[in-house]
Amino acid sequence: MNQKRCLWGCAITWIVVGLTSIILAFCARAIFHQIIKDFVLLGPNSMSKDMWIETPKLQTSVYIFDVENAKEVLNGGKAKLVEKGPYVYDEYHHKKNVIWNSNGTVSYENVREYHFNPRKSKGSLDDKLTIVNAPAGSISYTAKHQMSSL
């Protein structure tokens, strides 16, 4: 008797699972299109619009190479570089003047704000650093070698 009940229970379960699978197979495309429309596509009524306008806080870490022997470098010596940082900044992105256009596009002004985060930084904004002026160094190096080849 118990074996017969178990077989009936399994048969009913398989029938329900089979019917559900058939229904989902026919409706899957419509379901996925609705999910994409509601959650992924950006529009004036989409669920992701508010998070797009005010994005969550991001963090940016900046490392700087400090020249420790600046006087020697000015006299033609080789620079001794020491990595400083990270200097951590909290980054916020805001969309301002958002206009939803009739052709399906959106126009906006992107505003970025950076706030120094002293708790996560190894250093402060008052640190005195000497850095290499890369463009000037490249121009000087190129001019020096161009002149010597003439």
C-alpha atoms as a PDB file:
ATOM      1  CA  MET A   1       0.000   0.000   0.000  1.00  0.00           C
ATOM      2  CA  ASN A   2       2.762   2.461   0.928  1.00  0.00           C
ATOM      3  CA  GLN A   3       4.648   1.582  -2.239  1.00  0.00           C
ATOM      4  CA  LYS A   4       1.563   2.387  -4.339  1.00  0.00           C
ATOM      5  CA  ARG A   5       1.164   5.780  -2.610  1.00  0.00           C
ATOM      6  CA  CYS A   6       4.836   6.558  -3.192  1.00  0.00           C
ATOM      7  CA  LEU A   7       4.493   5.742  -6.894  1.00  0.00           C
ATOM      8  CA  TRP A   8       1.402   7.964  -7.188  1.00  0.00           C
ATOM      9  CA  GLY A   9       3.200  10.768  -5.333  1.00  0.00           C
ATOM     10  CA  CYS A  10       6.201  10.484  -7.656  1.00  0.00           C
ATOM     11  CA  ALA A  11       3.948  10.397 -10.735  1.00  0.00           C
ATOM     12  CA  ILE A  12       2.046  13.510  -9.640  1.00  0.00           C
ATOM     13  CA  THR A  13       5.305  15.301  -8.830  1.00  0.00           C
ATOM     14  CA  TRP A  14       6.733  14.460 -12.273  1.00  0.00           C
ATOM     15  CA  ILE A  15       3.545  15.616 -13.980  1.00  0.00           C
ATOM     16  CA  VAL A  16       3.630  18.952 -12.110  1.00  0.00           C
ATOM     17  CA  VAL A  17       7.347  19.406 -12.854  1.00  0.00           C
ATOM     18  CA  GLY A  18       6.793  18.503 -16.508  1.00  0.00           C
ATOM     19  CA  LEU A  19       3.868  20.919 -16.929  1.00  0.00           C
ATOM     20  CA  THR A  20       5.821  23.688 -15.186  1.00  0.00           C
ATOM     21  CA  SER A  21       8.776  23.057 -17.493  1.00  0.00           C
ATOM     22  CA  ILE A  22       6.575  23.235 -20.586  1.00  0.00           C
ATOM     23  CA  ILE A  23       4.930  26.470 -19.410  1.00  0.00           C
ATOM     24  CA  LEU A  24       8.327  28.018 -18.584  1.00  0.00           C
ATOM     25  CA  ALA A  25       9.736  26.933 -21.956  1.00  0.00           C
ATOM     26  CA  PHE A  26       6.987  28.871 -23.730  1.00  0.00           C
ATOM     27  CA  CYS A  27       7.062  31.876 -21.372  1.00  0.00           C
ATOM     28  CA  ALA A  28      10.825  32.119 -20.691  1.00  0.00           C
ATOM     29  CA  ARG A  29      11.511  34.615 -23.474  1.00  0.00           C
ATOM     30  CA  ALA A  30       8.728  36.933 -22.295  1.00  0.00           C
ATOM     31  CA  ILE A  31       9.833  36.596 -18.664  1.00  0.00           C
ATOM     32  CA  PHE A  32      13.469  37.403 -19.493  1.00  0.00           C
ATOM     33  CA  HIS A  33      12.474  40.361 -21.674  1.00  0.00           C
ATOM     34  CA  GLN A  34      10.359  41.731 -18.804  1.00  0.00           C
ATOM     35  CA  ILE A  35      13.222  41.269 -16.316  1.00  0.00           C
ATOM     36  CA  ILE A  36      15.653  43.057 -18.646  1.00  0.00           C
ATOM     37  CA  LYS A  37      13.141  45.848 -19.270  1.00  0.00           C
ATOM     38  CA  ASP A  38      12.469  46.384 -15.553  1.00  0.00           C
ATOM     39  CA  PHE A  39      15.923  45.913 -14.068  1.00  0.00           C
ATOM     40  CA  VAL A  40      18.599  46.448 -16.728  1.00  0.00           C
ATOM     41  CA  LEU A  41      17.419  48.992 -19.285  1.00  0.00           C
ATOM     42  CA  LEU A  42      17.735  52.586 -18.200  1.00  0.00           C
ATOM     43  CA  GLY A  43      14.621  54.688 -18.534  1.00  0.00           C
ATOM     44  CA  PRO A  44      12.621  57.301 -16.644  1.00  0.00           C
ATOM     45  CA  ASN A  45      10.586  54.592 -14.878  1.00  0.00           C
ATOM     46  CA  SER A  46      13.220  51.852 -14.526  1.00  0.00           C
ATOM     47  CA  MET A  47      14.150  50.439 -11.146  1.00  0.00           C
ATOM     48  CA  SER A  48      17.861  51.120 -11.731  1.00  0.00           C
ATOM     49  CA  LYS A  49      17.368  54.825 -12.522  1.00  0.00           C
ATOM     50  CA  ASP A  50      17.875  56.105  -8.965  1.00  0.00           C
ATOM     51  CA  MET A  51      21.076  54.105  -8.472  1.00  0.00           C
ATOM     52  CA  TRP A  52      22.355  55.386 -11.836  1.00  0.00           C
ATOM     53  CA  ILE A  53      21.629  59.015 -10.905  1.00  0.00           C
ATOM     54  CA  GLU A  54      23.329  58.720  -7.495  1.00  0.00           C
ATOM     55  CA  THR A  55      25.896  55.928  -7.792  1.00  0.00           C
ATOM     56  CA  PRO A  56      27.138  54.222  -4.635  1.00  0.00           C
ATOM     57  CA  LYS A  57      30.360  55.525  -3.109  1.00  0.00           C
ATOM     58  CA  LEU A  58      33.545  54.384  -4.828  1.00  0.00           C
ATOM     59  CA  GLN A  59      37.063  54.549  -3.424  1.00  0.00           C
ATOM     60  CA  THR A  60      40.145  55.630  -5.306  1.00  0.00           C
ATOM     61  CA  SER A  61      43.640  54.925  -3.996  1.00  0.00           C
ATOM     62  CA  VAL A  62      46.545  57.044  -5.212  1.00  0.00           C
ATOM     63  CA  TYR A  63      50.205  56.091  -4.849  1.00  0.00           C
ATOM     64  CA  ILE A  64      52.925  58.678  -5.491  1.00  0.00           C
ATOM     65  CA  PHE A  65      56.653  58.165  -5.982  1.00  0.00           C
ATOM     66  CA  ASP A  66      58.518  60.722  -3.860  1.00  0.00           C
ATOM     67  CA  VAL A  67      62.008  61.798  -4.954  1.00  0.00           C
ATOM     68  CA  GLU A  68      64.087  61.603  -1.770  1.00  0.00           C
ATOM     69  CA  ASN A  69      67.293  63.090  -3.197  1.00  0.00           C
ATOM     70  CA  ALA A  70      65.965  66.096  -5.125  1.00  0.00           C
ATOM     71  CA  LYS A  71      69.176  68.145  -4.762  1.00  0.00           C
ATOM     72  CA  GLU A  72      71.297  65.342  -6.204  1.00  0.00           C
ATOM     73  CA  VAL A  73      68.870  64.962  -9.121  1.00  0.00           C
ATOM     74  CA  LEU A  74      69.140  68.689  -9.870  1.00  0.00           C
ATOM     75  CA  ASN A  75      72.920  68.209 -10.066  1.00  0.00           C
ATOM     76  CA  GLY A  76      72.545  65.328 -12.550  1.00  0.00           C
ATOM     77  CA  GLY A  77      72.277  62.420 -10.104  1.00  0.00           C
ATOM     78  CA  LYS A  78      69.982  59.444 -10.352  1.00  0.00           C
ATOM     79  CA  ALA A  79      66.627  59.813  -8.570  1.00  0.00           C
ATOM     80  CA  LYS A  80      65.918  57.677  -5.501  1.00  0.00           C
ATOM     81  CA  LEU A  81      62.165  57.055  -5.562  1.00  0.00           C
ATOM     82  CA  VAL A  82      60.102  55.951  -2.573  1.00  0.00           C
ATOM     83  CA  GLU A  83      56.465  54.927  -2.912  1.00  0.00           C
ATOM     84  CA  LYS A  84      54.094  56.929  -0.674  1.00  0.00           C
ATOM     85  CA  GLY A  85      50.468  56.176  -0.049  1.00  0.00           C
ATOM     86  CA  PRO A  86      47.891  55.080  -0.548  1.00  0.00           C
ATOM     87  CA  TYR A  87      46.079  58.371  -0.378  1.00  0.00           C
ATOM     88  CA  VAL A  88      42.443  57.226  -0.375  1.00  0.00           C
ATOM     89  CA  TYR A  89      39.586  59.317  -1.719  1.00  0.00           C
ATOM     90  CA  ASP A  90      35.856  58.617  -1.523  1.00  0.00           C
ATOM     91  CA  GLU A  91      34.453  59.191  -4.980  1.00  0.00           C
ATOM     92  CA  TYR A  92      30.849  60.201  -5.656  1.00  0.00           C
ATOM     93  CA  HIS A  93      29.178  60.477  -9.069  1.00  0.00           C
ATOM     94  CA  HIS A  94      25.987  62.517  -9.502  1.00  0.00           C
ATOM     95  CA  LYS A  95      23.932  63.018 -12.635  1.00  0.00           C
ATOM     96  CA  LYS A  96      22.528  66.558 -12.866  1.00  0.00           C
ATOM     97  CA  ASN A  97      20.082  68.122 -15.340  1.00  0.00           C
ATOM     98  CA  VAL A  98      18.797  64.708 -16.466  1.00  0.00           C
ATOM     99  CA  ILE A  99      16.606  64.946 -19.583  1.00  0.00           C
ATOM    100  CA  TRP A 100      14.888  61.863 -21.039  1.00  0.00           C
ATOM    101  CA  ASN A 101      14.719  62.505 -24.777  1.00  0.00           C
ATOM    102  CA  SER A 102      11.890  61.335 -27.039  1.00  0.00           C
ATOM    103  CA  ASN A 103      14.289  59.251 -29.182  1.00  0.00           C
ATOM    104  CA  GLY A 104      15.133  56.894 -26.289  1.00  0.00           C
ATOM    105  CA  THR A 105      18.337  58.630 -25.214  1.00  0.00           C
ATOM    106  CA  VAL A 106      19.165  60.542 -22.065  1.00  0.00           C
ATOM    107  CA  SER A 107      21.121  63.792 -21.692  1.00  0.00           C
ATOM    108  CA  TYR A 108      22.794  64.664 -18.410  1.00  0.00           C
ATOM    109  CA  GLU A 109      25.686  66.424 -16.735  1.00  0.00           C
ATOM    110  CA  ASN A 110      28.074  64.147 -14.820  1.00  0.00           C
ATOM    111  CA  VAL A 111      29.470  65.619 -11.597  1.00  0.00           C
ATOM    112  CA  ARG A 112      32.280  63.847  -9.719  1.00  0.00           C
ATOM    113  CA  GLU A 113      33.290  64.649  -6.161  1.00  0.00           C
ATOM    114  CA  TYR A 114      36.394  63.412  -4.361  1.00  0.00           C
ATOM    115  CA  HIS A 115      36.660  63.575  -0.563  1.00  0.00           C
ATOM    116  CA  PHE A 116      39.931  62.682   1.150  1.00  0.00           C
ATOM    117  CA  ASN A 117      39.552  59.733   3.550  1.00  0.00           C
ATOM    118  CA  PRO A 118      42.210  60.166   6.280  1.00  0.00           C
ATOM    119  CA  ARG A 119      41.250  56.955   8.134  1.00  0.00           C
ATOM    120  CA  LYS A 120      42.099  54.692   5.204  1.00  0.00           C
ATOM    121  CA  SER A 121      45.085  56.720   3.949  1.00  0.00           C
ATOM    122  CA  LYS A 122      48.722  56.239   4.877  1.00  0.00           C
ATOM    123  CA  GLY A 123      49.639  59.877   4.855  1.00  0.00           C
ATOM    124  CA  SER A 124      47.890  63.231   4.997  1.00  0.00           C
ATOM    125  CA  LEU A 125      47.155  66.078   2.633  1.00  0.00           C
ATOM    126  CA  ASP A 126      49.886  68.067   4.416  1.00  0.00           C
ATOM    127  CA  ASP A 127      52.672  65.673   3.296  1.00  0.00           C
ATOM    128  CA  LYS A 128      55.501  67.388   1.421  1.00  0.00           C
ATOM    129  CA  LEU A 129      56.369  65.374  -1.673  1.00  0.00           C
ATOM    130  CA  THR A 130      58.784  65.967  -4.526  1.00  0.00           C
ATOM    131  CA  ILE A 131      57.722  64.373  -7.770  1.00  0.00           C
ATOM    132  CA  VAL A 132      59.314  64.089 -11.191  1.00  0.00           C
ATOM    133  CA  ASN A 133      57.852  66.316 -13.872  1.00  0.00           C
ATOM    134  CA  ALA A 134      57.531  63.557 -16.483  1.00  0.00           C
ATOM    135  CA  PRO A 135      56.686  65.742 -19.522  1.00  0.00           C
ATOM    136  CA  ALA A 136      59.564  68.140 -18.820  1.00  0.00           C
ATOM    137  CA  GLY A 137      61.944  65.235 -18.178  1.00  0.00           C
ATOM    138  CA  SER A 138      60.936  63.535 -21.426  1.00  0.00           C
ATOM    139  CA  ILE A 139      61.368  66.731 -23.436  1.00  0.00           C
ATOM    140  CA  SER A 140      64.746  67.391 -21.813  1.00  0.00           C
ATOM    141  CA  TYR A 141      65.929  63.824 -22.429  1.00  0.00           C
ATOM    142  CA  THR A 142      64.748  63.863 -26.070  1.00  0.00           C
ATOM    143  CA  ALA A 143      66.314  67.272 -26.734  1.00  0.00           C
ATOM    144  CA  LYS A 144      69.598  66.153 -25.162  1.00  0.00           C
ATOM    145  CA  HIS A 145      69.848  63.043 -27.329  1.00  0.00           C
ATOM    146  CA  GLN A 146      68.592  64.810 -30.455  1.00  0.00           C
ATOM    147  CA  MET A 147      71.257  67.479 -30.069  1.00  0.00           C
ATOM    148  CA  SER A 148      74.035  64.913 -29.552  1.00  0.00           C
ATOM    149  CA  SER A 149      73.099  63.050 -32.753  1.00  0.00           C
ATOM    150  CA  LEU A 150      73.362  66.185 -34.928  1.00  0.00           C
END
